[in-house]
Amino acid sequence: MDYRRRLRDLREDHDKTQSQIAALLGTSQTMYARYERGANELPIRHLITLADYYNVTTDYLLGRSDQQ
């Protein structure tokens, strides 16, 4: 599984909107949607923030591990 799908699945599993996650990251909903679609690469600082927020490893978010 690639990181784009993990981003969306984690967001939906936590009943959050793209706008809510974008606010957490300090970016726009449009930019966050581009991360989920893969149109833009997710910055490392956002990767770390999301891993902390969802309480998962960065490897899990990146699809490199199935272990959260």
PDB file of N, CA and C in Angstrom:
ATOM      1  N   MET A   1       0.850  -1.176   0.000  1.00  0.00           N
ATOM      2  CA  MET A   1       0.000   0.000   0.000  1.00  0.00           C
ATOM      3  C   MET A   1       0.896   1.240   0.000  1.00  0.00           C
ATOM      4  N   ASP A   2       0.543   2.218  -0.806  1.00  0.00           N
ATOM      5  CA  ASP A   2       1.367   3.426  -0.850  1.00  0.00           C
ATOM      6  C   ASP A   2       0.885   4.462   0.162  1.00  0.00           C
ATOM      7  N   TYR A   3       1.712   5.454   0.361  1.00  0.00           N
ATOM      8  CA  TYR A   3       1.424   6.424   1.420  1.00  0.00           C
ATOM      9  C   TYR A   3       0.176   7.249   1.149  1.00  0.00           C
ATOM     10  N   ARG A   4      -0.150   7.465  -0.112  1.00  0.00           N
ATOM     11  CA  ARG A   4      -1.354   8.261  -0.413  1.00  0.00           C
ATOM     12  C   ARG A   4      -2.602   7.569   0.114  1.00  0.00           C
ATOM     13  N   ARG A   5      -2.666   6.282  -0.094  1.00  0.00           N
ATOM     14  CA  ARG A   5      -3.830   5.542   0.410  1.00  0.00           C
ATOM     15  C   ARG A   5      -3.834   5.509   1.935  1.00  0.00           C
ATOM     16  N   ARG A   6      -2.653   5.363   2.526  1.00  0.00           N
ATOM     17  CA  ARG A   6      -2.575   5.353   3.994  1.00  0.00           C
ATOM     18  C   ARG A   6      -3.041   6.690   4.568  1.00  0.00           C
ATOM     19  N   LEU A   7      -2.640   7.790   3.934  1.00  0.00           N
ATOM     20  CA  LEU A   7      -3.073   9.110   4.403  1.00  0.00           C
ATOM     21  C   LEU A   7      -4.591   9.202   4.435  1.00  0.00           C
ATOM     22  N   ARG A   8      -5.205   8.795   3.331  1.00  0.00           N
ATOM     23  CA  ARG A   8      -6.660   8.875   3.237  1.00  0.00           C
ATOM     24  C   ARG A   8      -7.329   7.925   4.222  1.00  0.00           C
ATOM     25  N   ASP A   9      -6.848   6.680   4.279  1.00  0.00           N
ATOM     26  CA  ASP A   9      -7.470   5.695   5.164  1.00  0.00           C
ATOM     27  C   ASP A   9      -7.384   6.111   6.627  1.00  0.00           C
ATOM     28  N   LEU A  10      -6.217   6.591   7.054  1.00  0.00           N
ATOM     29  CA  LEU A  10      -6.086   7.038   8.440  1.00  0.00           C
ATOM     30  C   LEU A  10      -6.996   8.219   8.727  1.00  0.00           C
ATOM     31  N   ARG A  11      -7.057   9.160   7.804  1.00  0.00           N
ATOM     32  CA  ARG A  11      -7.931  10.325   7.991  1.00  0.00           C
ATOM     33  C   ARG A  11      -9.380   9.887   8.123  1.00  0.00           C
ATOM     34  N   GLU A  12      -9.819   9.018   7.229  1.00  0.00           N
ATOM     35  CA  GLU A  12     -11.208   8.560   7.265  1.00  0.00           C
ATOM     36  C   GLU A  12     -11.490   7.709   8.501  1.00  0.00           C
ATOM     37  N   ASP A  13     -10.530   6.869   8.898  1.00  0.00           N
ATOM     38  CA  ASP A  13     -10.706   6.051  10.106  1.00  0.00           C
ATOM     39  C   ASP A  13     -10.862   6.905  11.358  1.00  0.00           C
ATOM     40  N   HIS A  14     -10.284   8.095  11.347  1.00  0.00           N
ATOM     41  CA  HIS A  14     -10.392   9.014  12.482  1.00  0.00           C
ATOM     42  C   HIS A  14     -11.508  10.039  12.294  1.00  0.00           C
ATOM     43  N   ASP A  15     -12.348   9.816  11.281  1.00  0.00           N
ATOM     44  CA  ASP A  15     -13.497  10.695  10.998  1.00  0.00           C
ATOM     45  C   ASP A  15     -13.098  12.160  10.890  1.00  0.00           C
ATOM     46  N   LYS A  16     -12.017  12.410  10.165  1.00  0.00           N
ATOM     47  CA  LYS A  16     -11.532  13.774   9.954  1.00  0.00           C
ATOM     48  C   LYS A  16     -11.710  14.166   8.494  1.00  0.00           C
ATOM     49  N   THR A  17     -11.900  15.448   8.268  1.00  0.00           N
ATOM     50  CA  THR A  17     -11.990  15.968   6.910  1.00  0.00           C
ATOM     51  C   THR A  17     -10.605  16.395   6.442  1.00  0.00           C
ATOM     52  N   GLN A  18     -10.476  16.574   5.149  1.00  0.00           N
ATOM     53  CA  GLN A  18      -9.222  17.102   4.625  1.00  0.00           C
ATOM     54  C   GLN A  18      -8.934  18.474   5.214  1.00  0.00           C
ATOM     55  N   SER A  19      -9.948  19.268   5.400  1.00  0.00           N
ATOM     56  CA  SER A  19      -9.760  20.610   5.974  1.00  0.00           C
ATOM     57  C   SER A  19      -9.222  20.543   7.396  1.00  0.00           C
ATOM     58  N   GLN A  20      -9.702  19.598   8.192  1.00  0.00           N
ATOM     59  CA  GLN A  20      -9.237  19.467   9.570  1.00  0.00           C
ATOM     60  C   GLN A  20      -7.764  19.055   9.613  1.00  0.00           C
ATOM     61  N   ILE A  21      -7.374  18.130   8.754  1.00  0.00           N
ATOM     62  CA  ILE A  21      -5.974  17.692   8.730  1.00  0.00           C
ATOM     63  C   ILE A  21      -5.095  18.798   8.160  1.00  0.00           C
ATOM     64  N   ALA A  22      -5.585  19.498   7.168  1.00  0.00           N
ATOM     65  CA  ALA A  22      -4.831  20.622   6.607  1.00  0.00           C
ATOM     66  C   ALA A  22      -4.568  21.677   7.684  1.00  0.00           C
ATOM     67  N   ALA A  23      -5.568  21.957   8.511  1.00  0.00           N
ATOM     68  CA  ALA A  23      -5.392  22.934   9.591  1.00  0.00           C
ATOM     69  C   ALA A  23      -4.331  22.457  10.581  1.00  0.00           C
ATOM     70  N   LEU A  24      -4.342  21.171  10.898  1.00  0.00           N
ATOM     71  CA  LEU A  24      -3.323  20.597  11.785  1.00  0.00           C
ATOM     72  C   LEU A  24      -1.928  20.813  11.210  1.00  0.00           C
ATOM     73  N   LEU A  25      -1.803  20.677   9.897  1.00  0.00           N
ATOM     74  CA  LEU A  25      -0.504  20.811   9.234  1.00  0.00           C
ATOM     75  C   LEU A  25      -0.143  22.260   8.908  1.00  0.00           C
ATOM     76  N   GLY A  26      -1.113  23.151   9.053  1.00  0.00           N
ATOM     77  CA  GLY A  26      -0.854  24.558   8.725  1.00  0.00           C
ATOM     78  C   GLY A  26      -0.792  24.795   7.226  1.00  0.00           C
ATOM     79  N   THR A  27      -1.604  24.061   6.479  1.00  0.00           N
ATOM     80  CA  THR A  27      -1.645  24.211   5.029  1.00  0.00           C
ATOM     81  C   THR A  27      -3.100  24.309   4.591  1.00  0.00           C
ATOM     82  N   SER A  28      -3.324  24.461   3.321  1.00  0.00           N
ATOM     83  CA  SER A  28      -4.692  24.571   2.812  1.00  0.00           C
ATOM     84  C   SER A  28      -5.285  23.189   2.532  1.00  0.00           C
ATOM     85  N   GLN A  29      -6.600  23.141   2.465  1.00  0.00           N
ATOM     86  CA  GLN A  29      -7.270  21.887   2.123  1.00  0.00           C
ATOM     87  C   GLN A  29      -6.871  21.460   0.725  1.00  0.00           C
ATOM     88  N   THR A  30      -6.721  22.411  -0.175  1.00  0.00           N
ATOM     89  CA  THR A  30      -6.328  22.107  -1.550  1.00  0.00           C
ATOM     90  C   THR A  30      -4.960  21.432  -1.593  1.00  0.00           C
ATOM     91  N   MET A  31      -4.021  21.955  -0.836  1.00  0.00           N
ATOM     92  CA  MET A  31      -2.681  21.358  -0.817  1.00  0.00           C
ATOM     93  C   MET A  31      -2.719  19.974  -0.189  1.00  0.00           C
ATOM     94  N   TYR A  32      -3.467  19.816   0.892  1.00  0.00           N
ATOM     95  CA  TYR A  32      -3.565  18.495   1.508  1.00  0.00           C
ATOM     96  C   TYR A  32      -4.191  17.494   0.540  1.00  0.00           C
ATOM     97  N   ALA A  33      -5.208  17.909  -0.189  1.00  0.00           N
ATOM     98  CA  ALA A  33      -5.824  17.021  -1.183  1.00  0.00           C
ATOM     99  C   ALA A  33      -4.791  16.600  -2.226  1.00  0.00           C
ATOM    100  N   ARG A  34      -3.899  17.507  -2.587  1.00  0.00           N
ATOM    101  CA  ARG A  34      -2.838  17.179  -3.545  1.00  0.00           C
ATOM    102  C   ARG A  34      -1.873  16.137  -2.969  1.00  0.00           C
ATOM    103  N   TYR A  35      -1.629  16.176  -1.663  1.00  0.00           N
ATOM    104  CA  TYR A  35      -0.800  15.153  -1.031  1.00  0.00           C
ATOM    105  C   TYR A  35      -1.482  13.784  -1.129  1.00  0.00           C
ATOM    106  N   GLU A  36      -2.779  13.744  -0.828  1.00  0.00           N
ATOM    107  CA  GLU A  36      -3.510  12.479  -0.880  1.00  0.00           C
ATOM    108  C   GLU A  36      -3.586  11.924  -2.302  1.00  0.00           C
ATOM    109  N   ARG A  37      -3.649  12.790  -3.280  1.00  0.00           N
ATOM    110  CA  ARG A  37      -3.708  12.351  -4.687  1.00  0.00           C
ATOM    111  C   ARG A  37      -2.338  12.021  -5.250  1.00  0.00           C
ATOM    112  N   GLY A  38      -1.301  12.476  -4.586  1.00  0.00           N
ATOM    113  CA  GLY A  38       0.049  12.245  -5.076  1.00  0.00           C
ATOM    114  C   GLY A  38       0.523  13.292  -6.066  1.00  0.00           C
ATOM    115  N   ALA A  39      -0.224  14.381  -6.199  1.00  0.00           N
ATOM    116  CA  ALA A  39       0.174  15.461  -7.103  1.00  0.00           C
ATOM    117  C   ALA A  39       1.354  16.239  -6.529  1.00  0.00           C
ATOM    118  N   ASN A  40       1.475  16.278  -5.205  1.00  0.00           N
ATOM    119  CA  ASN A  40       2.601  16.902  -4.514  1.00  0.00           C
ATOM    120  C   ASN A  40       3.161  15.907  -3.507  1.00  0.00           C
ATOM    121  N   GLU A  41       4.463  15.956  -3.316  1.00  0.00           N
ATOM    122  CA  GLU A  41       5.098  15.109  -2.303  1.00  0.00           C
ATOM    123  C   GLU A  41       4.816  15.681  -0.914  1.00  0.00           C
ATOM    124  N   LEU A  42       4.597  14.799   0.020  1.00  0.00           N
ATOM    125  CA  LEU A  42       4.357  15.187   1.402  1.00  0.00           C
ATOM    126  C   LEU A  42       5.678  15.603   2.046  1.00  0.00           C
ATOM    127  N   PRO A  43       5.775  16.834   2.548  1.00  0.00           N
ATOM    128  CA  PRO A  43       7.017  17.260   3.216  1.00  0.00           C
ATOM    129  C   PRO A  43       7.287  16.427   4.471  1.00  0.00           C
ATOM    130  N   ILE A  44       8.547  16.264   4.785  1.00  0.00           N
ATOM    131  CA  ILE A  44       8.938  15.457   5.945  1.00  0.00           C
ATOM    132  C   ILE A  44       8.319  16.006   7.228  1.00  0.00           C
ATOM    133  N   ARG A  45       8.273  17.318   7.366  1.00  0.00           N
ATOM    134  CA  ARG A  45       7.700  17.882   8.601  1.00  0.00           C
ATOM    135  C   ARG A  45       6.232  17.482   8.755  1.00  0.00           C
ATOM    136  N   HIS A  46       5.505  17.379   7.644  1.00  0.00           N
ATOM    137  CA  HIS A  46       4.104  16.945   7.699  1.00  0.00           C
ATOM    138  C   HIS A  46       4.019  15.446   7.991  1.00  0.00           C
ATOM    139  N   LEU A  47       4.932  14.684   7.428  1.00  0.00           N
ATOM    140  CA  LEU A  47       4.974  13.245   7.685  1.00  0.00           C
ATOM    141  C   LEU A  47       5.131  12.982   9.183  1.00  0.00           C
ATOM    142  N   ILE A  48       6.048  13.688   9.816  1.00  0.00           N
ATOM    143  CA  ILE A  48       6.291  13.519  11.250  1.00  0.00           C
ATOM    144  C   ILE A  48       5.076  13.950  12.065  1.00  0.00           C
ATOM    145  N   THR A  49       4.489  15.081  11.700  1.00  0.00           N
ATOM    146  CA  THR A  49       3.301  15.568  12.404  1.00  0.00           C
ATOM    147  C   THR A  49       2.163  14.552  12.320  1.00  0.00           C
ATOM    148  N   LEU A  50       1.945  14.003  11.126  1.00  0.00           N
ATOM    149  CA  LEU A  50       0.861  13.034  10.949  1.00  0.00           C
ATOM    150  C   LEU A  50       1.138  11.732  11.695  1.00  0.00           C
ATOM    151  N   ALA A  51       2.369  11.270  11.688  1.00  0.00           N
ATOM    152  CA  ALA A  51       2.713  10.059  12.426  1.00  0.00           C
ATOM    153  C   ALA A  51       2.440  10.251  13.921  1.00  0.00           C
ATOM    154  N   ASP A  52       2.818  11.398  14.441  1.00  0.00           N
ATOM    155  CA  ASP A  52       2.546  11.696  15.853  1.00  0.00           C
ATOM    156  C   ASP A  52       1.047  11.796  16.108  1.00  0.00           C
ATOM    157  N   TYR A  53       0.335  12.479  15.232  1.00  0.00           N
ATOM    158  CA  TYR A  53      -1.110  12.679  15.396  1.00  0.00           C
ATOM    159  C   TYR A  53      -1.865  11.348  15.389  1.00  0.00           C
ATOM    160  N   TYR A  54      -1.535  10.488  14.442  1.00  0.00           N
ATOM    161  CA  TYR A  54      -2.223   9.197  14.324  1.00  0.00           C
ATOM    162  C   TYR A  54      -1.595   8.113  15.197  1.00  0.00           C
ATOM    163  N   ASN A  55      -0.496   8.437  15.858  1.00  0.00           N
ATOM    164  CA  ASN A  55       0.206   7.492  16.725  1.00  0.00           C
ATOM    165  C   ASN A  55       0.635   6.236  15.954  1.00  0.00           C
ATOM    166  N   VAL A  56       1.250   6.469  14.797  1.00  0.00           N
ATOM    167  CA  VAL A  56       1.802   5.393  13.970  1.00  0.00           C
ATOM    168  C   VAL A  56       3.243   5.754  13.613  1.00  0.00           C
ATOM    169  N   THR A  57       3.967   4.801  13.091  1.00  0.00           N
ATOM    170  CA  THR A  57       5.341   5.073  12.680  1.00  0.00           C
ATOM    171  C   THR A  57       5.352   5.738  11.306  1.00  0.00           C
ATOM    172  N   THR A  58       6.434   6.414  11.017  1.00  0.00           N
ATOM    173  CA  THR A  58       6.574   7.010   9.685  1.00  0.00           C
ATOM    174  C   THR A  58       6.672   5.910   8.628  1.00  0.00           C
ATOM    175  N   ASP A  59       7.296   4.787   8.956  1.00  0.00           N
ATOM    176  CA  ASP A  59       7.355   3.671   8.008  1.00  0.00           C
ATOM    177  C   ASP A  59       5.960   3.167   7.665  1.00  0.00           C
ATOM    178  N   TYR A  60       5.083   3.117   8.653  1.00  0.00           N
ATOM    179  CA  TYR A  60       3.704   2.702   8.386  1.00  0.00           C
ATOM    180  C   TYR A  60       3.025   3.697   7.441  1.00  0.00           C
ATOM    181  N   LEU A  61       3.170   4.973   7.737  1.00  0.00           N
ATOM    182  CA  LEU A  61       2.568   5.995   6.878  1.00  0.00           C
ATOM    183  C   LEU A  61       3.083   5.914   5.445  1.00  0.00           C
ATOM    184  N   LEU A  62       4.355   5.622   5.300  1.00  0.00           N
ATOM    185  CA  LEU A  62       4.965   5.551   3.972  1.00  0.00           C
ATOM    186  C   LEU A  62       4.677   4.243   3.257  1.00  0.00           C
ATOM    187  N   GLY A  63       4.025   3.310   3.928  1.00  0.00           N
ATOM    188  CA  GLY A  63       3.706   2.030   3.306  1.00  0.00           C
ATOM    189  C   GLY A  63       4.872   1.059   3.303  1.00  0.00           C
ATOM    190  N   ARG A  64       5.896   1.358   4.095  1.00  0.00           N
ATOM    191  CA  ARG A  64       7.087   0.498   4.144  1.00  0.00           C
ATOM    192  C   ARG A  64       6.923  -0.614   5.182  1.00  0.00           C
ATOM    193  N   SER A  65       5.914  -0.517   6.015  1.00  0.00           N
ATOM    194  CA  SER A  65       5.664  -1.510   7.052  1.00  0.00           C
ATOM    195  C   SER A  65       4.165  -1.568   7.304  1.00  0.00           C
ATOM    196  N   ASP A  66       3.690  -2.749   7.677  1.00  0.00           N
ATOM    197  CA  ASP A  66       2.279  -2.878   8.051  1.00  0.00           C
ATOM    198  C   ASP A  66       2.103  -2.784   9.559  1.00  0.00           C
ATOM    199  N   GLN A  67       3.214  -2.649  10.267  1.00  0.00           N
ATOM    200  CA  GLN A  67       3.186  -2.527  11.718  1.00  0.00           C
ATOM    201  C   GLN A  67       3.067  -1.065  12.102  1.00  0.00           C
ATOM    202  N   GLN A  68       2.005  -0.743  12.806  1.00  0.00           N
ATOM    203  CA  GLN A  68       1.760   0.652  13.167  1.00  0.00           C
ATOM    204  C   GLN A  68       2.684   1.078  14.274  1.00  0.00           C
TER     205      GLN A  68
END
